[in-house]
């Protein structure tokens, strides 16, 4: 990933920025912000200090095959999950951060190719979500995409993928939609955007399948 710039904090009459300090400039940036904001009673708050991880805009895709009624999910090791004391291999959606000036849909196609060796020929925007509102500015646009599920072995695994230059080790697995949705509803997927996408599919699946299975355009 190429280095990304950090956009300035937006102007807002209800927020007064007192100071900004960059305390880390690694792959991702960490800023310490001191500010005041208007409270619900209309009074300006006291001075507040937040550390904010500047990750920026992101995209994620729920890959759905309407013909086989399956979803294609990825699995990979996540060190923060390890630190949290849970299974560090998370079931996820292909996702990534936008580079400077990059179109969200272009970024999405890039990430699906890099992380899954697949393509999506139709997209539906599900919504935009803050992933960690208490500490990061990351805002993720979530889409559903029409894919052709690959053939798999008995365990549902299709193949392994990932960007070698980033040491990615990704396993691609095909799930029956019913099974994946049930796992999400049972709370068995710790990745929040994965669970959110599958719960959306539970509500819109029949409509989406009727639309996407009826046309190849």
N, C-alpha and C. Protein backbone atom coordinates (compact mmCIF):
# COMPACT_ATOMS: atom_id res chain seq x y z
N UNK A 1 0.84 -1.19 0.00
CA UNK A 1 0.00 0.00 0.00
C UNK A 1 0.87 1.24 0.00
N UNK A 2 0.56 2.19 -0.88
CA UNK A 2 1.31 3.44 -0.91
C UNK A 2 0.96 4.30 0.29
N UNK A 3 1.89 5.19 0.72
CA UNK A 3 1.58 6.08 1.85
C UNK A 3 0.35 6.93 1.54
N UNK A 4 -0.48 7.15 2.55
CA UNK A 4 -1.69 7.94 2.38
C UNK A 4 -1.58 9.21 3.20
N UNK A 5 -2.13 10.29 2.68
CA UNK A 5 -2.15 11.54 3.43
C UNK A 5 -3.33 11.54 4.39
N UNK A 6 -3.28 12.45 5.36
CA UNK A 6 -4.35 12.56 6.34
C UNK A 6 -5.12 13.84 6.09
N UNK A 7 -6.42 13.76 5.81
CA UNK A 7 -7.18 14.98 5.57
C UNK A 7 -7.29 15.80 6.85
N UNK A 8 -7.39 17.13 6.73
CA UNK A 8 -7.54 17.95 7.93
C UNK A 8 -8.87 17.67 8.63
N UNK A 9 -8.91 17.93 9.91
CA UNK A 9 -10.17 17.77 10.64
C UNK A 9 -11.19 18.75 10.10
N UNK A 10 -12.43 18.32 9.93
CA UNK A 10 -13.45 19.21 9.34
C UNK A 10 -13.84 20.33 10.29
N UNK A 11 -14.23 21.45 9.70
CA UNK A 11 -14.73 22.57 10.51
C UNK A 11 -16.15 22.27 10.96
N UNK A 12 -16.45 22.59 12.22
CA UNK A 12 -17.78 22.35 12.76
C UNK A 12 -18.03 23.37 13.87
N UNK A 13 -19.14 24.12 13.81
CA UNK A 13 -19.38 25.13 14.83
C UNK A 13 -19.57 24.56 16.23
N UNK A 14 -19.82 23.26 16.34
CA UNK A 14 -20.03 22.64 17.65
C UNK A 14 -18.76 22.01 18.22
N UNK A 15 -17.65 22.13 17.49
CA UNK A 15 -16.39 21.53 17.94
C UNK A 15 -15.28 22.57 17.84
N UNK A 16 -14.54 22.73 18.92
CA UNK A 16 -13.40 23.65 18.95
C UNK A 16 -12.13 22.84 19.16
N UNK A 17 -11.27 22.82 18.14
CA UNK A 17 -10.01 22.10 18.23
C UNK A 17 -8.98 23.00 18.92
N UNK A 18 -8.47 22.56 20.06
CA UNK A 18 -7.49 23.34 20.80
C UNK A 18 -6.06 23.03 20.35
N UNK A 19 -5.77 21.76 20.03
CA UNK A 19 -4.43 21.41 19.56
C UNK A 19 -4.45 20.04 18.91
N UNK A 20 -3.49 19.82 18.00
CA UNK A 20 -3.28 18.53 17.36
C UNK A 20 -1.79 18.19 17.45
N UNK A 21 -1.49 16.97 17.81
CA UNK A 21 -0.10 16.54 17.90
C UNK A 21 0.03 15.14 17.32
N UNK A 22 0.92 14.98 16.35
CA UNK A 22 1.18 13.66 15.79
C UNK A 22 2.25 12.98 16.64
N UNK A 23 1.89 11.84 17.23
CA UNK A 23 2.81 11.17 18.13
C UNK A 23 3.39 9.89 17.53
N UNK A 24 2.87 9.46 16.39
CA UNK A 24 3.41 8.29 15.72
C UNK A 24 3.15 8.39 14.24
N UNK A 25 4.18 8.09 13.43
CA UNK A 25 4.06 8.18 11.98
C UNK A 25 4.56 6.90 11.32
N UNK A 26 4.01 5.77 11.75
CA UNK A 26 4.34 4.50 11.13
C UNK A 26 3.45 4.26 9.93
N UNK A 27 3.13 3.00 9.68
CA UNK A 27 2.24 2.68 8.56
C UNK A 27 0.92 3.40 8.72
N UNK A 28 0.42 3.47 9.95
CA UNK A 28 -0.75 4.27 10.27
C UNK A 28 -0.34 5.35 11.26
N UNK A 29 -1.10 6.42 11.27
CA UNK A 29 -0.75 7.60 12.05
C UNK A 29 -1.56 7.64 13.34
N UNK A 30 -0.92 8.14 14.41
CA UNK A 30 -1.59 8.31 15.68
C UNK A 30 -1.48 9.77 16.10
N UNK A 31 -2.62 10.42 16.30
CA UNK A 31 -2.68 11.82 16.70
C UNK A 31 -3.27 11.96 18.09
N UNK A 32 -2.81 12.95 18.83
CA UNK A 32 -3.43 13.34 20.09
C UNK A 32 -4.15 14.67 19.85
N UNK A 33 -5.45 14.66 20.04
CA UNK A 33 -6.30 15.82 19.77
C UNK A 33 -6.85 16.34 21.09
N UNK A 34 -6.72 17.65 21.31
CA UNK A 34 -7.35 18.30 22.46
C UNK A 34 -8.44 19.22 21.93
N UNK A 35 -9.65 19.06 22.46
CA UNK A 35 -10.80 19.75 21.88
C UNK A 35 -11.87 19.99 22.93
N UNK A 36 -12.83 20.80 22.54
CA UNK A 36 -14.06 21.00 23.30
C UNK A 36 -15.23 20.81 22.34
N UNK A 37 -16.34 20.25 22.84
CA UNK A 37 -17.52 20.08 21.98
C UNK A 37 -18.77 20.54 22.72
N UNK A 38 -19.77 20.94 21.95
CA UNK A 38 -21.02 21.40 22.55
C UNK A 38 -21.76 20.21 23.14
N UNK A 39 -22.13 20.32 24.40
CA UNK A 39 -22.87 19.27 25.08
C UNK A 39 -24.35 19.33 24.69
N UNK A 40 -25.11 18.32 25.10
CA UNK A 40 -26.54 18.29 24.79
C UNK A 40 -27.30 19.43 25.45
N UNK A 41 -26.77 19.98 26.57
CA UNK A 41 -27.43 21.11 27.21
C UNK A 41 -27.03 22.45 26.60
N UNK A 42 -26.23 22.42 25.52
CA UNK A 42 -25.83 23.63 24.81
C UNK A 42 -24.57 24.28 25.33
N UNK A 43 -24.03 23.77 26.44
CA UNK A 43 -22.82 24.33 27.04
C UNK A 43 -21.60 23.66 26.44
N UNK A 44 -20.52 24.43 26.24
CA UNK A 44 -19.29 23.87 25.72
C UNK A 44 -18.63 22.99 26.78
N UNK A 45 -18.16 21.84 26.39
CA UNK A 45 -17.53 20.92 27.34
C UNK A 45 -16.21 21.46 27.84
N UNK A 46 -15.70 20.81 28.89
CA UNK A 46 -14.34 21.09 29.31
C UNK A 46 -13.36 20.54 28.30
N UNK A 47 -12.07 20.80 28.51
CA UNK A 47 -11.05 20.32 27.58
C UNK A 47 -10.99 18.79 27.62
N UNK A 48 -11.06 18.19 26.45
CA UNK A 48 -11.00 16.74 26.33
C UNK A 48 -9.77 16.35 25.51
N UNK A 49 -9.19 15.20 25.81
CA UNK A 49 -8.00 14.72 25.09
C UNK A 49 -8.26 13.31 24.60
N UNK A 50 -8.15 13.12 23.30
CA UNK A 50 -8.34 11.80 22.70
C UNK A 50 -7.13 11.44 21.85
N UNK A 51 -6.72 10.17 21.96
CA UNK A 51 -5.77 9.61 21.00
C UNK A 51 -6.59 9.03 19.85
N UNK A 52 -6.21 9.37 18.63
CA UNK A 52 -6.99 8.90 17.48
C UNK A 52 -6.08 8.27 16.44
N UNK A 53 -6.41 7.04 16.10
CA UNK A 53 -5.71 6.31 15.05
C UNK A 53 -6.28 6.74 13.72
N UNK A 54 -5.44 7.33 12.86
CA UNK A 54 -5.91 7.89 11.59
C UNK A 54 -5.83 6.84 10.48
N UNK A 55 -6.85 6.03 10.37
CA UNK A 55 -6.87 4.97 9.35
C UNK A 55 -7.60 5.42 8.08
N UNK A 56 -8.58 6.29 8.20
CA UNK A 56 -9.23 6.83 7.01
C UNK A 56 -10.36 5.97 6.48
N UNK A 57 -10.60 6.08 5.17
CA UNK A 57 -11.75 5.42 4.54
C UNK A 57 -11.40 4.00 4.12
N UNK A 58 -12.38 3.11 4.27
CA UNK A 58 -12.20 1.70 3.94
C UNK A 58 -13.41 1.17 3.17
N UNK A 59 -13.23 0.01 2.57
CA UNK A 59 -14.34 -0.66 1.86
C UNK A 59 -14.31 -2.15 2.23
N UNK A 60 -15.47 -2.77 2.16
CA UNK A 60 -15.58 -4.22 2.39
C UNK A 60 -16.69 -4.76 1.51
N UNK A 61 -16.57 -6.04 1.14
CA UNK A 61 -17.53 -6.67 0.24
C UNK A 61 -18.04 -7.98 0.82
N UNK A 62 -19.36 -8.16 0.78
CA UNK A 62 -19.97 -9.46 1.04
C UNK A 62 -20.16 -10.16 -0.30
N UNK A 63 -19.33 -11.17 -0.63
CA UNK A 63 -19.44 -11.85 -1.94
C UNK A 63 -20.54 -12.91 -1.89
N UNK A 64 -21.53 -12.73 -2.74
CA UNK A 64 -22.70 -13.62 -2.75
C UNK A 64 -22.92 -14.19 -4.15
N UNK A 65 -23.11 -15.51 -4.22
CA UNK A 65 -23.44 -16.19 -5.48
C UNK A 65 -24.92 -16.54 -5.44
N UNK A 66 -25.76 -15.87 -6.25
CA UNK A 66 -27.20 -16.11 -6.18
C UNK A 66 -27.62 -17.43 -6.83
N UNK A 67 -26.76 -17.99 -7.65
CA UNK A 67 -27.11 -19.25 -8.33
C UNK A 67 -26.97 -20.42 -7.36
N UNK A 68 -25.85 -20.47 -6.65
CA UNK A 68 -25.62 -21.55 -5.69
C UNK A 68 -26.10 -21.19 -4.29
N UNK A 69 -26.53 -19.94 -4.09
CA UNK A 69 -26.98 -19.43 -2.79
C UNK A 69 -25.90 -19.65 -1.73
N UNK A 70 -24.69 -19.16 -2.06
CA UNK A 70 -23.55 -19.29 -1.16
C UNK A 70 -22.86 -17.94 -1.00
N UNK A 71 -22.09 -17.82 0.07
CA UNK A 71 -21.23 -16.66 0.26
C UNK A 71 -19.78 -17.16 0.30
N UNK A 72 -18.87 -16.30 -0.12
CA UNK A 72 -17.45 -16.64 -0.14
C UNK A 72 -16.75 -15.74 0.88
N UNK A 73 -16.22 -16.34 1.92
CA UNK A 73 -15.60 -15.59 3.01
C UNK A 73 -14.12 -15.95 3.11
N UNK A 74 -13.37 -15.09 3.77
CA UNK A 74 -11.95 -15.35 3.93
C UNK A 74 -11.62 -15.55 5.40
N UNK A 75 -10.51 -16.20 5.65
CA UNK A 75 -10.03 -16.44 7.01
C UNK A 75 -8.56 -16.04 7.07
N UNK A 76 -8.17 -15.30 8.12
CA UNK A 76 -6.77 -14.95 8.28
C UNK A 76 -6.45 -14.64 9.73
N UNK A 77 -5.16 -14.74 10.06
CA UNK A 77 -4.69 -14.46 11.41
C UNK A 77 -4.70 -12.96 11.66
N UNK A 78 -5.26 -12.55 12.84
CA UNK A 78 -5.30 -11.14 13.23
C UNK A 78 -4.67 -11.01 14.61
N UNK A 79 -3.56 -10.29 14.69
CA UNK A 79 -2.86 -10.17 15.97
C UNK A 79 -3.71 -9.49 17.05
N UNK A 80 -4.50 -8.43 16.73
CA UNK A 80 -5.35 -7.85 17.77
C UNK A 80 -6.35 -8.84 18.36
N UNK A 81 -6.85 -9.78 17.55
CA UNK A 81 -7.74 -10.81 18.09
C UNK A 81 -6.98 -11.71 19.05
N UNK A 82 -5.74 -12.03 18.70
CA UNK A 82 -4.88 -12.80 19.60
C UNK A 82 -4.69 -12.05 20.92
N UNK A 83 -4.43 -10.73 20.83
CA UNK A 83 -4.23 -9.93 22.04
C UNK A 83 -5.49 -9.86 22.88
N UNK A 84 -6.65 -9.92 22.23
CA UNK A 84 -7.92 -9.87 22.95
C UNK A 84 -8.28 -11.19 23.62
N UNK A 85 -7.50 -12.23 23.34
CA UNK A 85 -7.73 -13.53 23.97
C UNK A 85 -8.77 -14.39 23.28
N UNK A 86 -9.07 -14.09 22.01
CA UNK A 86 -10.02 -14.92 21.26
C UNK A 86 -9.26 -15.63 20.14
N UNK A 87 -9.96 -16.51 19.43
CA UNK A 87 -9.34 -17.21 18.31
C UNK A 87 -8.80 -16.17 17.32
N UNK A 88 -7.50 -16.17 17.06
CA UNK A 88 -6.93 -15.12 16.21
C UNK A 88 -7.20 -15.31 14.72
N UNK A 89 -7.73 -16.46 14.31
CA UNK A 89 -8.10 -16.65 12.91
C UNK A 89 -9.56 -16.24 12.76
N UNK A 90 -9.78 -15.08 12.13
CA UNK A 90 -11.12 -14.54 12.00
C UNK A 90 -11.72 -14.85 10.64
N UNK A 91 -13.03 -15.06 10.64
CA UNK A 91 -13.79 -15.17 9.39
C UNK A 91 -14.18 -13.75 8.99
N UNK A 92 -13.78 -13.36 7.78
CA UNK A 92 -13.91 -11.96 7.38
C UNK A 92 -14.46 -11.81 5.97
N UNK A 93 -14.76 -10.56 5.63
CA UNK A 93 -15.05 -10.16 4.26
C UNK A 93 -13.78 -9.57 3.66
N UNK A 94 -13.58 -9.69 2.35
CA UNK A 94 -12.45 -8.98 1.74
C UNK A 94 -12.65 -7.48 1.95
N UNK A 95 -11.60 -6.80 2.37
CA UNK A 95 -11.72 -5.39 2.73
C UNK A 95 -10.35 -4.73 2.66
N UNK A 96 -10.35 -3.41 2.64
CA UNK A 96 -9.09 -2.68 2.63
C UNK A 96 -9.31 -1.19 2.71
N UNK A 97 -8.21 -0.47 2.88
CA UNK A 97 -8.24 0.98 2.98
C UNK A 97 -8.06 1.61 1.61
N UNK A 98 -8.71 2.75 1.41
CA UNK A 98 -8.57 3.48 0.15
C UNK A 98 -7.22 4.20 0.12
N UNK A 99 -6.60 4.20 -1.04
CA UNK A 99 -5.42 5.01 -1.26
C UNK A 99 -5.87 6.42 -1.62
N UNK A 100 -4.94 7.37 -1.61
CA UNK A 100 -5.28 8.77 -1.87
C UNK A 100 -6.00 8.92 -3.20
N UNK A 101 -7.20 9.54 -3.16
CA UNK A 101 -7.94 9.83 -4.38
C UNK A 101 -8.59 8.62 -5.02
N UNK A 102 -8.56 7.47 -4.39
CA UNK A 102 -9.08 6.25 -4.99
C UNK A 102 -10.60 6.17 -4.87
N UNK A 103 -11.25 5.74 -5.93
CA UNK A 103 -12.69 5.52 -5.92
C UNK A 103 -13.01 4.29 -5.07
N UNK A 104 -14.05 4.35 -4.21
CA UNK A 104 -14.35 3.20 -3.35
C UNK A 104 -14.59 1.90 -4.11
N UNK A 105 -15.32 1.97 -5.22
CA UNK A 105 -15.59 0.74 -5.95
C UNK A 105 -14.33 0.19 -6.61
N UNK A 106 -13.45 1.08 -7.07
CA UNK A 106 -12.17 0.62 -7.64
C UNK A 106 -11.34 -0.05 -6.56
N UNK A 107 -11.33 0.53 -5.37
CA UNK A 107 -10.59 -0.07 -4.25
C UNK A 107 -11.16 -1.44 -3.90
N UNK A 108 -12.47 -1.54 -3.96
CA UNK A 108 -13.12 -2.80 -3.64
C UNK A 108 -12.71 -3.91 -4.61
N UNK A 109 -12.73 -3.60 -5.90
CA UNK A 109 -12.33 -4.59 -6.89
C UNK A 109 -10.86 -4.98 -6.70
N UNK A 110 -10.02 -4.02 -6.35
CA UNK A 110 -8.61 -4.32 -6.10
C UNK A 110 -8.45 -5.28 -4.94
N UNK A 111 -9.16 -5.01 -3.84
CA UNK A 111 -9.02 -5.86 -2.65
C UNK A 111 -9.57 -7.26 -2.89
N UNK A 112 -10.67 -7.38 -3.61
CA UNK A 112 -11.25 -8.70 -3.89
C UNK A 112 -10.29 -9.53 -4.74
N UNK A 113 -9.62 -8.88 -5.67
CA UNK A 113 -8.64 -9.59 -6.50
C UNK A 113 -7.44 -10.00 -5.67
N UNK A 114 -6.92 -9.09 -4.83
CA UNK A 114 -5.72 -9.38 -4.04
C UNK A 114 -5.99 -10.44 -2.98
N UNK A 115 -7.14 -10.35 -2.31
CA UNK A 115 -7.39 -11.20 -1.15
C UNK A 115 -8.10 -12.51 -1.50
N UNK A 116 -8.74 -12.57 -2.69
CA UNK A 116 -9.52 -13.76 -3.02
C UNK A 116 -9.21 -14.34 -4.39
N UNK A 117 -8.48 -13.58 -5.23
CA UNK A 117 -8.30 -13.97 -6.63
C UNK A 117 -9.65 -14.16 -7.32
N UNK A 118 -10.58 -13.23 -7.04
CA UNK A 118 -11.92 -13.30 -7.60
C UNK A 118 -12.35 -11.93 -8.09
N UNK A 119 -13.48 -11.88 -8.77
CA UNK A 119 -14.06 -10.63 -9.22
C UNK A 119 -15.55 -10.62 -8.88
N UNK A 120 -16.09 -9.42 -8.75
CA UNK A 120 -17.54 -9.23 -8.54
C UNK A 120 -18.06 -8.39 -9.70
N UNK A 121 -19.13 -8.87 -10.34
CA UNK A 121 -19.61 -8.15 -11.52
C UNK A 121 -20.78 -7.23 -11.25
N UNK A 122 -21.38 -7.30 -10.06
CA UNK A 122 -22.44 -6.36 -9.69
C UNK A 122 -22.26 -6.00 -8.22
N UNK A 123 -22.58 -4.75 -7.88
CA UNK A 123 -22.42 -4.27 -6.52
C UNK A 123 -23.69 -3.60 -6.03
N UNK A 124 -23.96 -3.76 -4.74
CA UNK A 124 -25.03 -3.03 -4.06
C UNK A 124 -24.44 -2.43 -2.79
N UNK A 125 -24.64 -1.14 -2.61
CA UNK A 125 -24.12 -0.47 -1.42
C UNK A 125 -25.04 -0.76 -0.23
N UNK A 126 -24.48 -1.34 0.83
CA UNK A 126 -25.25 -1.66 2.03
C UNK A 126 -25.32 -0.47 2.97
N UNK A 127 -24.18 0.18 3.22
CA UNK A 127 -24.15 1.34 4.12
C UNK A 127 -22.73 1.69 4.50
N UNK A 128 -22.58 2.76 5.27
CA UNK A 128 -21.27 3.20 5.74
C UNK A 128 -21.23 3.14 7.26
N UNK A 129 -20.12 2.64 7.83
CA UNK A 129 -20.09 2.35 9.26
C UNK A 129 -18.74 2.72 9.89
N UNK A 130 -18.81 3.29 11.09
CA UNK A 130 -17.62 3.47 11.91
C UNK A 130 -17.28 2.13 12.55
N UNK A 131 -16.01 1.74 12.47
CA UNK A 131 -15.62 0.43 12.99
C UNK A 131 -15.13 0.50 14.43
N UNK A 132 -14.58 1.63 14.84
CA UNK A 132 -14.09 1.78 16.22
C UNK A 132 -14.20 3.24 16.60
N UNK A 133 -15.43 3.69 16.83
CA UNK A 133 -15.69 5.11 17.01
C UNK A 133 -15.00 5.70 18.25
N UNK A 134 -14.59 4.86 19.17
CA UNK A 134 -13.92 5.36 20.36
C UNK A 134 -12.45 5.66 20.17
N UNK A 135 -11.86 5.26 19.03
CA UNK A 135 -10.42 5.46 18.93
C UNK A 135 -9.85 5.58 17.53
N UNK A 136 -10.65 5.41 16.48
CA UNK A 136 -10.13 5.49 15.12
C UNK A 136 -11.13 6.20 14.22
N UNK A 137 -10.59 6.86 13.18
CA UNK A 137 -11.46 7.58 12.24
C UNK A 137 -11.86 6.70 11.06
N UNK A 138 -11.60 5.40 11.13
CA UNK A 138 -11.89 4.52 10.01
C UNK A 138 -13.39 4.44 9.75
N UNK A 139 -13.77 4.72 8.49
CA UNK A 139 -15.17 4.69 8.06
C UNK A 139 -15.25 3.74 6.88
N UNK A 140 -16.05 2.69 7.03
CA UNK A 140 -16.08 1.61 6.03
C UNK A 140 -17.38 1.61 5.25
N UNK A 141 -17.26 1.70 3.93
CA UNK A 141 -18.41 1.50 3.05
C UNK A 141 -18.53 0.02 2.74
N UNK A 142 -19.68 -0.55 3.10
CA UNK A 142 -19.92 -1.98 2.94
C UNK A 142 -20.82 -2.23 1.74
N UNK A 143 -20.42 -3.17 0.90
CA UNK A 143 -21.17 -3.54 -0.30
C UNK A 143 -21.46 -5.04 -0.28
N UNK A 144 -22.48 -5.42 -1.04
CA UNK A 144 -22.66 -6.81 -1.44
C UNK A 144 -22.28 -6.90 -2.91
N UNK A 145 -21.65 -8.00 -3.30
CA UNK A 145 -21.24 -8.15 -4.69
C UNK A 145 -21.59 -9.52 -5.23
N UNK A 146 -21.98 -9.55 -6.51
CA UNK A 146 -22.30 -10.82 -7.14
C UNK A 146 -21.02 -11.49 -7.63
N UNK A 147 -20.82 -12.72 -7.19
CA UNK A 147 -19.64 -13.49 -7.60
C UNK A 147 -20.08 -14.87 -8.07
N UNK A 148 -19.15 -15.57 -8.67
CA UNK A 148 -19.35 -16.98 -9.01
C UNK A 148 -18.51 -17.79 -8.03
N UNK A 149 -19.17 -18.51 -7.13
CA UNK A 149 -18.45 -19.26 -6.12
C UNK A 149 -17.58 -20.33 -6.77
N UNK A 150 -16.34 -20.46 -6.32
CA UNK A 150 -15.44 -21.45 -6.92
C UNK A 150 -15.73 -22.85 -6.42
N UNK A 151 -15.26 -23.87 -7.11
CA UNK A 151 -15.38 -25.25 -6.61
C UNK A 151 -14.52 -25.42 -5.37
N UNK A 152 -14.94 -26.32 -4.50
CA UNK A 152 -14.22 -26.53 -3.24
C UNK A 152 -14.09 -28.02 -2.94
N UNK A 153 -13.30 -28.31 -1.91
CA UNK A 153 -13.24 -29.65 -1.37
C UNK A 153 -14.36 -29.85 -0.37
N UNK A 154 -14.40 -31.00 0.32
CA UNK A 154 -15.47 -31.29 1.28
C UNK A 154 -15.52 -30.30 2.44
N UNK A 155 -14.38 -29.66 2.75
CA UNK A 155 -14.33 -28.71 3.86
C UNK A 155 -14.73 -27.30 3.45
N UNK A 156 -15.11 -27.12 2.19
CA UNK A 156 -15.53 -25.80 1.71
C UNK A 156 -14.40 -24.89 1.30
N UNK A 157 -13.15 -25.31 1.48
CA UNK A 157 -12.01 -24.46 1.13
C UNK A 157 -11.79 -24.49 -0.38
N UNK A 158 -11.67 -23.28 -0.96
CA UNK A 158 -11.43 -23.18 -2.40
C UNK A 158 -9.93 -23.12 -2.69
N UNK A 159 -9.23 -22.18 -2.04
CA UNK A 159 -7.80 -22.00 -2.25
C UNK A 159 -7.26 -21.03 -1.23
N UNK A 160 -5.96 -20.75 -1.34
CA UNK A 160 -5.30 -19.76 -0.50
C UNK A 160 -4.90 -18.58 -1.38
N UNK A 161 -4.92 -17.39 -0.79
CA UNK A 161 -4.62 -16.18 -1.55
C UNK A 161 -3.93 -15.17 -0.62
N UNK A 162 -3.84 -13.92 -1.08
CA UNK A 162 -3.22 -12.87 -0.28
C UNK A 162 -2.06 -12.23 -1.00
N UNK A 163 -1.74 -11.00 -0.60
CA UNK A 163 -0.66 -10.24 -1.19
C UNK A 163 0.66 -10.68 -0.57
N UNK A 164 1.51 -11.32 -1.37
CA UNK A 164 2.77 -11.87 -0.84
C UNK A 164 3.66 -10.79 -0.25
N UNK A 165 3.67 -9.59 -0.87
CA UNK A 165 4.54 -8.51 -0.39
C UNK A 165 4.14 -8.02 0.99
N UNK A 166 2.90 -8.31 1.40
CA UNK A 166 2.42 -7.90 2.72
C UNK A 166 2.34 -9.08 3.69
N UNK A 167 2.91 -10.23 3.28
CA UNK A 167 2.90 -11.44 4.12
C UNK A 167 1.49 -11.90 4.46
N UNK A 168 0.54 -11.64 3.55
CA UNK A 168 -0.83 -12.08 3.79
C UNK A 168 -0.95 -13.58 3.55
N UNK A 169 -1.65 -14.26 4.43
CA UNK A 169 -1.91 -15.69 4.32
C UNK A 169 -3.41 -15.87 4.51
N UNK A 170 -4.14 -15.95 3.41
CA UNK A 170 -5.60 -15.90 3.43
C UNK A 170 -6.17 -17.21 2.88
N UNK A 171 -7.14 -17.74 3.61
CA UNK A 171 -7.84 -18.95 3.17
C UNK A 171 -9.23 -18.54 2.69
N UNK A 172 -9.60 -19.00 1.50
CA UNK A 172 -10.89 -18.66 0.89
C UNK A 172 -11.82 -19.86 1.05
N UNK A 173 -12.97 -19.62 1.67
CA UNK A 173 -13.91 -20.72 1.94
C UNK A 173 -15.32 -20.34 1.48
N UNK A 174 -16.02 -21.30 0.89
CA UNK A 174 -17.39 -21.10 0.43
C UNK A 174 -18.35 -21.65 1.49
N UNK A 175 -19.34 -20.84 1.84
CA UNK A 175 -20.33 -21.23 2.85
C UNK A 175 -21.73 -21.23 2.24
N UNK A 176 -22.56 -22.23 2.52
CA UNK A 176 -23.98 -22.08 2.21
C UNK A 176 -24.51 -20.84 2.92
N UNK A 177 -25.32 -20.05 2.24
CA UNK A 177 -25.79 -18.81 2.84
C UNK A 177 -26.51 -19.05 4.16
N UNK A 178 -27.33 -20.09 4.23
CA UNK A 178 -28.05 -20.40 5.47
C UNK A 178 -27.08 -20.63 6.63
N UNK A 179 -26.00 -21.37 6.37
CA UNK A 179 -25.04 -21.70 7.42
C UNK A 179 -24.31 -20.46 7.90
N UNK A 180 -23.88 -19.61 6.97
CA UNK A 180 -23.15 -18.40 7.35
C UNK A 180 -24.06 -17.43 8.11
N UNK A 181 -25.28 -17.27 7.65
CA UNK A 181 -26.21 -16.37 8.34
C UNK A 181 -26.50 -16.87 9.75
N UNK A 182 -26.71 -18.17 9.89
CA UNK A 182 -26.97 -18.73 11.22
C UNK A 182 -25.78 -18.52 12.15
N UNK A 183 -24.57 -18.67 11.63
CA UNK A 183 -23.38 -18.45 12.44
C UNK A 183 -23.30 -16.99 12.90
N UNK A 184 -23.65 -16.06 12.00
CA UNK A 184 -23.64 -14.64 12.36
C UNK A 184 -24.69 -14.34 13.42
N UNK A 185 -25.89 -14.88 13.26
CA UNK A 185 -26.96 -14.64 14.22
C UNK A 185 -26.66 -15.28 15.57
N UNK A 186 -25.88 -16.35 15.57
CA UNK A 186 -25.48 -17.02 16.82
C UNK A 186 -24.30 -16.35 17.49
N UNK A 187 -23.74 -15.30 16.85
CA UNK A 187 -22.61 -14.59 17.44
C UNK A 187 -21.29 -15.32 17.30
N UNK A 188 -21.16 -16.17 16.27
CA UNK A 188 -19.93 -16.96 16.12
C UNK A 188 -18.88 -16.29 15.25
N UNK A 189 -19.19 -15.12 14.68
CA UNK A 189 -18.21 -14.38 13.90
C UNK A 189 -17.83 -13.13 14.68
N UNK A 190 -16.57 -13.07 15.14
CA UNK A 190 -16.13 -11.94 15.96
C UNK A 190 -15.90 -10.68 15.15
N UNK A 191 -15.67 -10.82 13.85
CA UNK A 191 -15.47 -9.64 13.01
C UNK A 191 -16.81 -8.95 12.78
N UNK A 192 -16.91 -7.70 13.23
CA UNK A 192 -18.21 -7.01 13.23
C UNK A 192 -18.76 -6.77 11.83
N UNK A 193 -17.90 -6.41 10.87
CA UNK A 193 -18.40 -6.09 9.54
C UNK A 193 -18.87 -7.36 8.83
N UNK A 194 -18.26 -8.52 9.16
CA UNK A 194 -18.74 -9.80 8.62
C UNK A 194 -20.15 -10.09 9.13
N UNK A 195 -20.33 -9.96 10.43
CA UNK A 195 -21.65 -10.22 11.02
C UNK A 195 -22.69 -9.26 10.46
N UNK A 196 -22.32 -7.99 10.33
CA UNK A 196 -23.25 -6.98 9.82
C UNK A 196 -23.67 -7.31 8.39
N UNK A 197 -22.71 -7.65 7.54
CA UNK A 197 -23.04 -7.98 6.16
C UNK A 197 -23.96 -9.18 6.05
N UNK A 198 -23.71 -10.20 6.85
CA UNK A 198 -24.54 -11.41 6.79
C UNK A 198 -25.93 -11.17 7.36
N UNK A 199 -26.05 -10.33 8.39
CA UNK A 199 -27.38 -10.00 8.90
C UNK A 199 -28.17 -9.20 7.88
N UNK A 200 -27.49 -8.32 7.14
CA UNK A 200 -28.15 -7.61 6.05
C UNK A 200 -28.64 -8.61 5.00
N UNK A 201 -27.78 -9.60 4.67
CA UNK A 201 -28.18 -10.60 3.68
C UNK A 201 -29.38 -11.39 4.15
N UNK A 202 -29.46 -11.67 5.44
CA UNK A 202 -30.61 -12.41 5.98
C UNK A 202 -31.90 -11.67 5.69
N UNK A 203 -31.85 -10.33 5.74
CA UNK A 203 -33.06 -9.53 5.52
C UNK A 203 -33.36 -9.30 4.04
N UNK A 204 -32.32 -9.28 3.19
CA UNK A 204 -32.50 -8.90 1.78
C UNK A 204 -32.20 -10.02 0.80
N UNK A 205 -31.95 -11.20 1.29
CA UNK A 205 -31.45 -12.28 0.45
C UNK A 205 -32.41 -12.68 -0.67
N UNK A 206 -33.68 -12.86 -0.37
CA UNK A 206 -34.64 -13.29 -1.39
C UNK A 206 -34.73 -12.26 -2.51
N UNK A 207 -34.82 -10.99 -2.14
CA UNK A 207 -34.91 -9.92 -3.13
C UNK A 207 -33.63 -9.86 -3.97
N UNK A 208 -32.49 -9.97 -3.31
CA UNK A 208 -31.21 -9.90 -4.02
C UNK A 208 -31.04 -11.09 -4.95
N UNK A 209 -31.41 -12.25 -4.47
CA UNK A 209 -31.26 -13.46 -5.30
C UNK A 209 -32.17 -13.40 -6.52
N UNK A 210 -33.38 -12.93 -6.33
CA UNK A 210 -34.30 -12.82 -7.47
C UNK A 210 -33.76 -11.86 -8.52
N UNK A 211 -33.17 -10.76 -8.06
CA UNK A 211 -32.66 -9.74 -8.99
C UNK A 211 -31.41 -10.22 -9.71
N UNK A 212 -30.47 -10.79 -8.96
CA UNK A 212 -29.17 -11.15 -9.53
C UNK A 212 -29.21 -12.46 -10.31
N UNK A 213 -30.06 -13.38 -9.91
CA UNK A 213 -30.12 -14.66 -10.62
C UNK A 213 -30.88 -14.53 -11.93
N UNK A 214 -31.67 -13.46 -12.06
CA UNK A 214 -32.53 -13.31 -13.24
C UNK A 214 -31.81 -12.66 -14.41
N UNK A 215 -30.62 -12.09 -14.17
CA UNK A 215 -29.92 -11.38 -15.24
C UNK A 215 -28.43 -11.62 -15.14
N UNK A 216 -27.77 -11.60 -16.28
CA UNK A 216 -26.32 -11.73 -16.31
C UNK A 216 -25.65 -10.37 -16.54
N UNK A 217 -26.45 -9.30 -16.63
CA UNK A 217 -25.90 -7.97 -16.86
C UNK A 217 -25.29 -7.41 -15.59
